[in-house]
Amino acid sequence: MDALVNALIAIGMLLILILLIYLIDRVNSIEKETRKVMTSITEKSERSVAPFMGLSSKKLWDTMTGRAAEGLDAGAITELRAQYALVLSKHMEALYQEGFKDGQRGMSGEPKNTKQVSTSKGAVESWMPSAQANALYQCGLNASQTPEADWGPIRASLDEAGQFLLTKTQQDASSPLSDWLMPLPPKLVTGSAETAGGVPESAHIPSGIPAAAGQGPASA
């Protein structure tokens, strides 16, 4: 009889031990899931508060060129792209002006393809391909050393670089970048229009790029 009681007690204790192990495992699993959820909520909160959803440099460029960004839906990317127009325009202008000023000083350098850009949302690092960064810089450098009447080839190179960057990031590329950064003097514009038998249009900043960002070479 005692042996039977002892056996039942042992079985009961074993069942209790198994139950405790199961409960501890469940608690640990629930704790892990809770941590994951809290981490996800925190990351989303930080991303929504941080400028440009926490994206910068190459990651921001990749998102603007159509590569999927984790945690961002189509609506958020559309909103981000509208804000990015100012970042890209300031970056393009800065590279052109850097080349223009270096040319005025008789210098020539290797431009960086990253740029810290300040916006009302905060500062963000902008990135673009080195080929286009160098092209914009060289256009500014060449423009500073070339009479305005001979700017044609330089304007074409500038437009090519701008067209690539704006199209790649799905911005409005309907207006040539040279109309903004390398506006021709009124005398040259009038002469060109008379030769073509047309009426010149005023140089303007490409659609979608804030007017405050536009500064031609005259301001260099």
Protein backbone atom coordinates (compact mmCIF):
# COMPACT_ATOMS: atom_id res chain seq x y z
CA MET A 1 0.00 0.00 0.00
CA ASP A 2 2.80 2.36 0.94
CA ALA A 3 4.54 1.57 -2.33
CA LEU A 4 1.40 2.51 -4.29
CA VAL A 5 1.04 5.80 -2.42
CA ASN A 6 4.68 6.62 -2.97
CA ALA A 7 4.32 5.83 -6.67
CA LEU A 8 1.27 8.10 -6.97
CA ILE A 9 3.09 10.88 -5.12
CA ALA A 10 6.10 10.51 -7.43
CA ILE A 11 3.88 10.59 -10.50
CA GLY A 12 2.08 13.67 -9.16
CA MET A 13 5.34 15.47 -8.48
CA LEU A 14 6.58 14.56 -11.95
CA LEU A 15 3.41 15.96 -13.52
CA ILE A 16 3.76 19.14 -11.47
CA LEU A 17 7.39 19.47 -12.59
CA ILE A 18 6.41 18.99 -16.24
CA LEU A 19 3.64 21.58 -15.84
CA LEU A 20 6.07 24.07 -14.28
CA ILE A 21 8.56 23.58 -17.11
CA TYR A 22 5.78 24.11 -19.66
CA LEU A 23 4.54 27.26 -17.92
CA ILE A 24 8.07 28.70 -17.69
CA ASP A 25 8.61 28.01 -21.39
CA ARG A 26 5.31 29.68 -22.26
CA VAL A 27 6.15 32.72 -20.15
CA ASN A 28 9.54 33.02 -21.89
CA SER A 29 7.89 32.74 -25.31
CA ILE A 30 5.31 35.40 -24.44
CA GLU A 31 8.08 37.66 -23.13
CA LYS A 32 10.06 37.29 -26.36
CA GLU A 33 7.01 38.09 -28.49
CA THR A 34 6.24 41.11 -26.32
CA ARG A 35 9.79 42.40 -26.75
CA LYS A 36 9.55 42.00 -30.53
CA VAL A 37 6.27 43.92 -30.63
CA MET A 38 7.62 46.69 -28.39
CA THR A 39 10.81 46.95 -30.47
CA SER A 40 8.77 47.18 -33.66
CA ILE A 41 6.52 49.88 -32.19
CA THR A 42 9.56 51.84 -30.97
CA GLU A 43 11.29 51.63 -34.36
CA LYS A 44 8.15 52.79 -36.17
CA SER A 45 7.73 55.65 -33.72
CA GLU A 46 11.37 56.74 -34.12
CA ARG A 47 11.09 56.46 -37.90
CA SER A 48 7.94 58.59 -38.02
CA VAL A 49 9.60 61.31 -35.90
CA ALA A 50 13.02 61.24 -37.59
CA PRO A 51 13.50 63.34 -40.75
CA PHE A 52 12.78 61.40 -43.94
CA MET A 53 11.49 58.36 -42.04
CA GLY A 54 14.97 57.74 -40.66
CA LEU A 55 16.42 57.19 -44.13
CA SER A 56 19.55 58.95 -45.36
CA SER A 57 22.40 58.71 -47.84
CA LYS A 58 22.36 55.60 -50.08
CA LYS A 59 19.30 54.11 -48.33
CA LEU A 60 17.30 57.27 -49.06
CA TRP A 61 18.46 57.22 -52.70
CA ASP A 62 17.55 53.54 -53.05
CA THR A 63 14.06 54.20 -51.70
CA MET A 64 13.56 57.15 -54.04
CA THR A 65 14.69 55.07 -57.02
CA GLY A 66 12.09 52.40 -56.37
CA ARG A 67 13.77 49.86 -54.12
CA ALA A 68 11.46 48.63 -51.39
CA ALA A 69 12.05 50.11 -47.93
CA GLU A 70 11.13 47.97 -44.95
CA GLY A 71 8.21 49.36 -42.97
CA LEU A 72 7.20 51.99 -45.56
CA ASP A 73 4.01 51.72 -47.56
CA ALA A 74 3.33 53.35 -50.93
CA GLY A 75 1.68 56.40 -49.33
CA ALA A 76 4.66 57.07 -47.06
CA ILE A 77 7.08 56.77 -49.98
CA THR A 78 5.00 59.20 -52.07
CA GLU A 79 5.09 61.72 -49.23
CA LEU A 80 8.80 61.15 -48.80
CA ARG A 81 9.45 61.66 -52.51
CA ALA A 82 7.75 65.08 -52.40
CA GLN A 83 10.07 66.12 -49.55
CA TYR A 84 13.08 64.67 -51.34
CA ALA A 85 12.70 67.11 -54.25
CA LEU A 86 14.24 69.89 -52.14
CA VAL A 87 17.08 67.64 -50.93
CA LEU A 88 18.04 66.64 -54.46
CA SER A 89 17.80 70.18 -55.80
CA LYS A 90 20.06 71.52 -53.04
CA HIS A 91 22.55 68.71 -53.62
CA MET A 92 22.69 69.35 -57.37
CA GLU A 93 23.05 73.09 -56.83
CA ALA A 94 25.79 72.65 -54.22
CA LEU A 95 27.90 70.51 -56.56
CA TYR A 96 27.51 72.96 -59.45
CA GLN A 97 28.33 75.94 -57.24
CA GLU A 98 31.32 74.12 -55.74
CA GLY A 99 32.74 73.59 -59.21
CA PHE A 100 31.96 77.17 -60.25
CA LYS A 101 33.72 78.64 -57.23
CA ASP A 102 36.72 76.33 -57.60
CA GLY A 103 37.00 77.41 -61.23
CA GLN A 104 36.97 81.07 -60.22
CA ARG A 105 39.85 80.35 -57.84
CA GLY A 106 41.77 78.43 -60.48
CA MET A 107 41.33 75.18 -58.58
CA SER A 108 40.01 71.74 -59.47
CA GLY A 109 39.04 68.99 -57.07
CA GLU A 110 37.27 65.65 -56.75
CA PRO A 111 33.70 66.27 -55.54
CA LYS A 112 32.10 64.06 -52.92
CA ASN A 113 28.88 62.33 -53.90
CA THR A 114 27.37 62.85 -50.44
CA LYS A 115 26.11 66.12 -49.01
CA GLN A 116 24.58 67.11 -45.68
CA VAL A 117 21.43 69.03 -46.61
CA SER A 118 19.38 71.17 -44.21
CA THR A 119 15.59 71.25 -44.56
CA SER A 120 12.66 72.33 -42.40
CA LYS A 121 12.33 68.67 -41.41
CA GLY A 122 15.93 68.55 -40.21
CA ALA A 123 19.32 67.74 -41.69
CA VAL A 124 19.75 64.68 -43.89
CA GLU A 125 22.67 63.24 -45.83
CA SER A 126 22.00 63.09 -49.56
CA TRP A 127 23.72 60.62 -51.89
CA MET A 128 23.96 60.40 -55.66
CA PRO A 129 26.06 58.33 -58.11
CA SER A 130 29.65 59.56 -58.41
CA ALA A 131 29.36 59.96 -62.20
CA GLN A 132 26.56 62.52 -61.91
CA ALA A 133 28.18 64.26 -58.93
CA ASN A 134 31.37 64.72 -60.95
CA ALA A 135 29.41 65.87 -64.02
CA LEU A 136 27.62 68.61 -62.06
CA TYR A 137 30.89 69.76 -60.52
CA GLN A 138 32.66 69.84 -63.90
CA CYS A 139 29.81 71.83 -65.42
CA GLY A 140 30.22 74.49 -62.74
CA LEU A 141 34.01 74.45 -63.16
CA ASN A 142 33.79 74.81 -66.95
CA ALA A 143 31.07 77.47 -66.77
CA SER A 144 33.26 79.69 -64.58
CA GLN A 145 36.02 79.59 -67.21
CA THR A 146 33.87 79.87 -70.35
CA PRO A 147 32.13 82.94 -71.85
CA GLU A 148 28.37 82.73 -71.37
CA ALA A 149 27.87 82.85 -75.14
CA ASP A 150 29.73 79.51 -75.38
CA TRP A 151 27.85 77.74 -72.60
CA GLY A 152 25.86 75.55 -75.00
CA PRO A 153 27.81 72.27 -74.60
CA ILE A 154 28.11 72.80 -70.85
CA ARG A 155 24.37 73.37 -70.52
CA ALA A 156 23.77 70.16 -72.49
CA SER A 157 26.01 68.19 -70.11
CA LEU A 158 24.28 69.73 -67.10
CA ASP A 159 20.86 68.86 -68.50
CA GLU A 160 21.95 65.27 -69.13
CA ALA A 161 23.11 64.82 -65.52
CA GLY A 162 20.00 66.52 -64.15
CA GLN A 163 17.69 64.48 -66.38
CA PHE A 164 19.24 61.26 -65.10
CA LEU A 165 18.97 62.21 -61.43
CA LEU A 166 15.43 63.57 -61.62
CA THR A 167 14.12 60.70 -63.72
CA LYS A 168 15.87 58.07 -61.62
CA THR A 169 14.30 59.41 -58.42
CA GLN A 170 10.89 59.83 -60.09
CA GLN A 171 10.88 63.63 -59.87
CA ASP A 172 9.52 66.05 -62.47
CA ALA A 173 12.19 66.30 -65.18
CA SER A 174 10.18 68.35 -67.68
CA SER A 175 12.35 71.48 -67.32
CA PRO A 176 16.09 71.49 -68.17
CA LEU A 177 18.37 71.90 -65.17
CA SER A 178 20.37 74.52 -67.07
CA ASP A 179 17.33 76.83 -67.14
CA TRP A 180 17.71 77.05 -63.39
CA LEU A 181 21.45 76.78 -62.70
CA MET A 182 22.79 78.34 -65.93
CA PRO A 183 20.17 80.89 -67.07
CA LEU A 184 21.29 82.77 -70.15
CA PRO A 185 21.56 86.59 -69.91
CA PRO A 186 18.50 88.37 -71.39
CA LYS A 187 20.58 89.64 -74.34
CA LEU A 188 21.58 86.10 -75.35
CA VAL A 189 18.08 84.75 -74.77
CA THR A 190 16.59 87.50 -76.94
CA GLY A 191 19.15 86.88 -79.66
CA SER A 192 18.42 83.16 -79.70
CA ALA A 193 14.69 83.77 -79.85
CA GLU A 194 15.01 86.22 -82.73
CA THR A 195 17.17 83.75 -84.64
CA ALA A 196 14.58 81.04 -84.11
CA GLY A 197 11.75 83.43 -84.87
CA GLY A 198 10.11 82.79 -81.53
CA VAL A 199 9.49 84.43 -78.19
CA PRO A 200 11.79 83.30 -75.35
CA GLU A 201 10.38 81.80 -72.20
CA SER A 202 11.76 83.00 -68.88
CA ALA A 203 14.25 80.67 -67.26
CA HIS A 204 12.60 78.92 -64.37
CA ILE A 205 13.28 76.28 -61.77
CA PRO A 206 12.11 72.80 -62.80
CA SER A 207 8.59 71.97 -61.64
CA GLY A 208 8.47 70.39 -58.22
CA ILE A 209 11.70 72.05 -57.03
CA PRO A 210 11.12 74.85 -54.48
CA ALA A 211 12.02 78.30 -55.75
CA ALA A 212 14.07 79.06 -52.65
CA ALA A 213 16.66 76.52 -53.69
CA GLY A 214 17.46 78.02 -57.08
CA GLN A 215 20.60 80.12 -57.31
CA GLY A 216 22.30 80.59 -60.66
CA PRO A 217 25.98 81.22 -61.24
CA ALA A 218 25.49 84.91 -60.69
CA SER A 219 25.24 84.18 -56.97
CA ALA A 220 28.42 82.14 -56.90
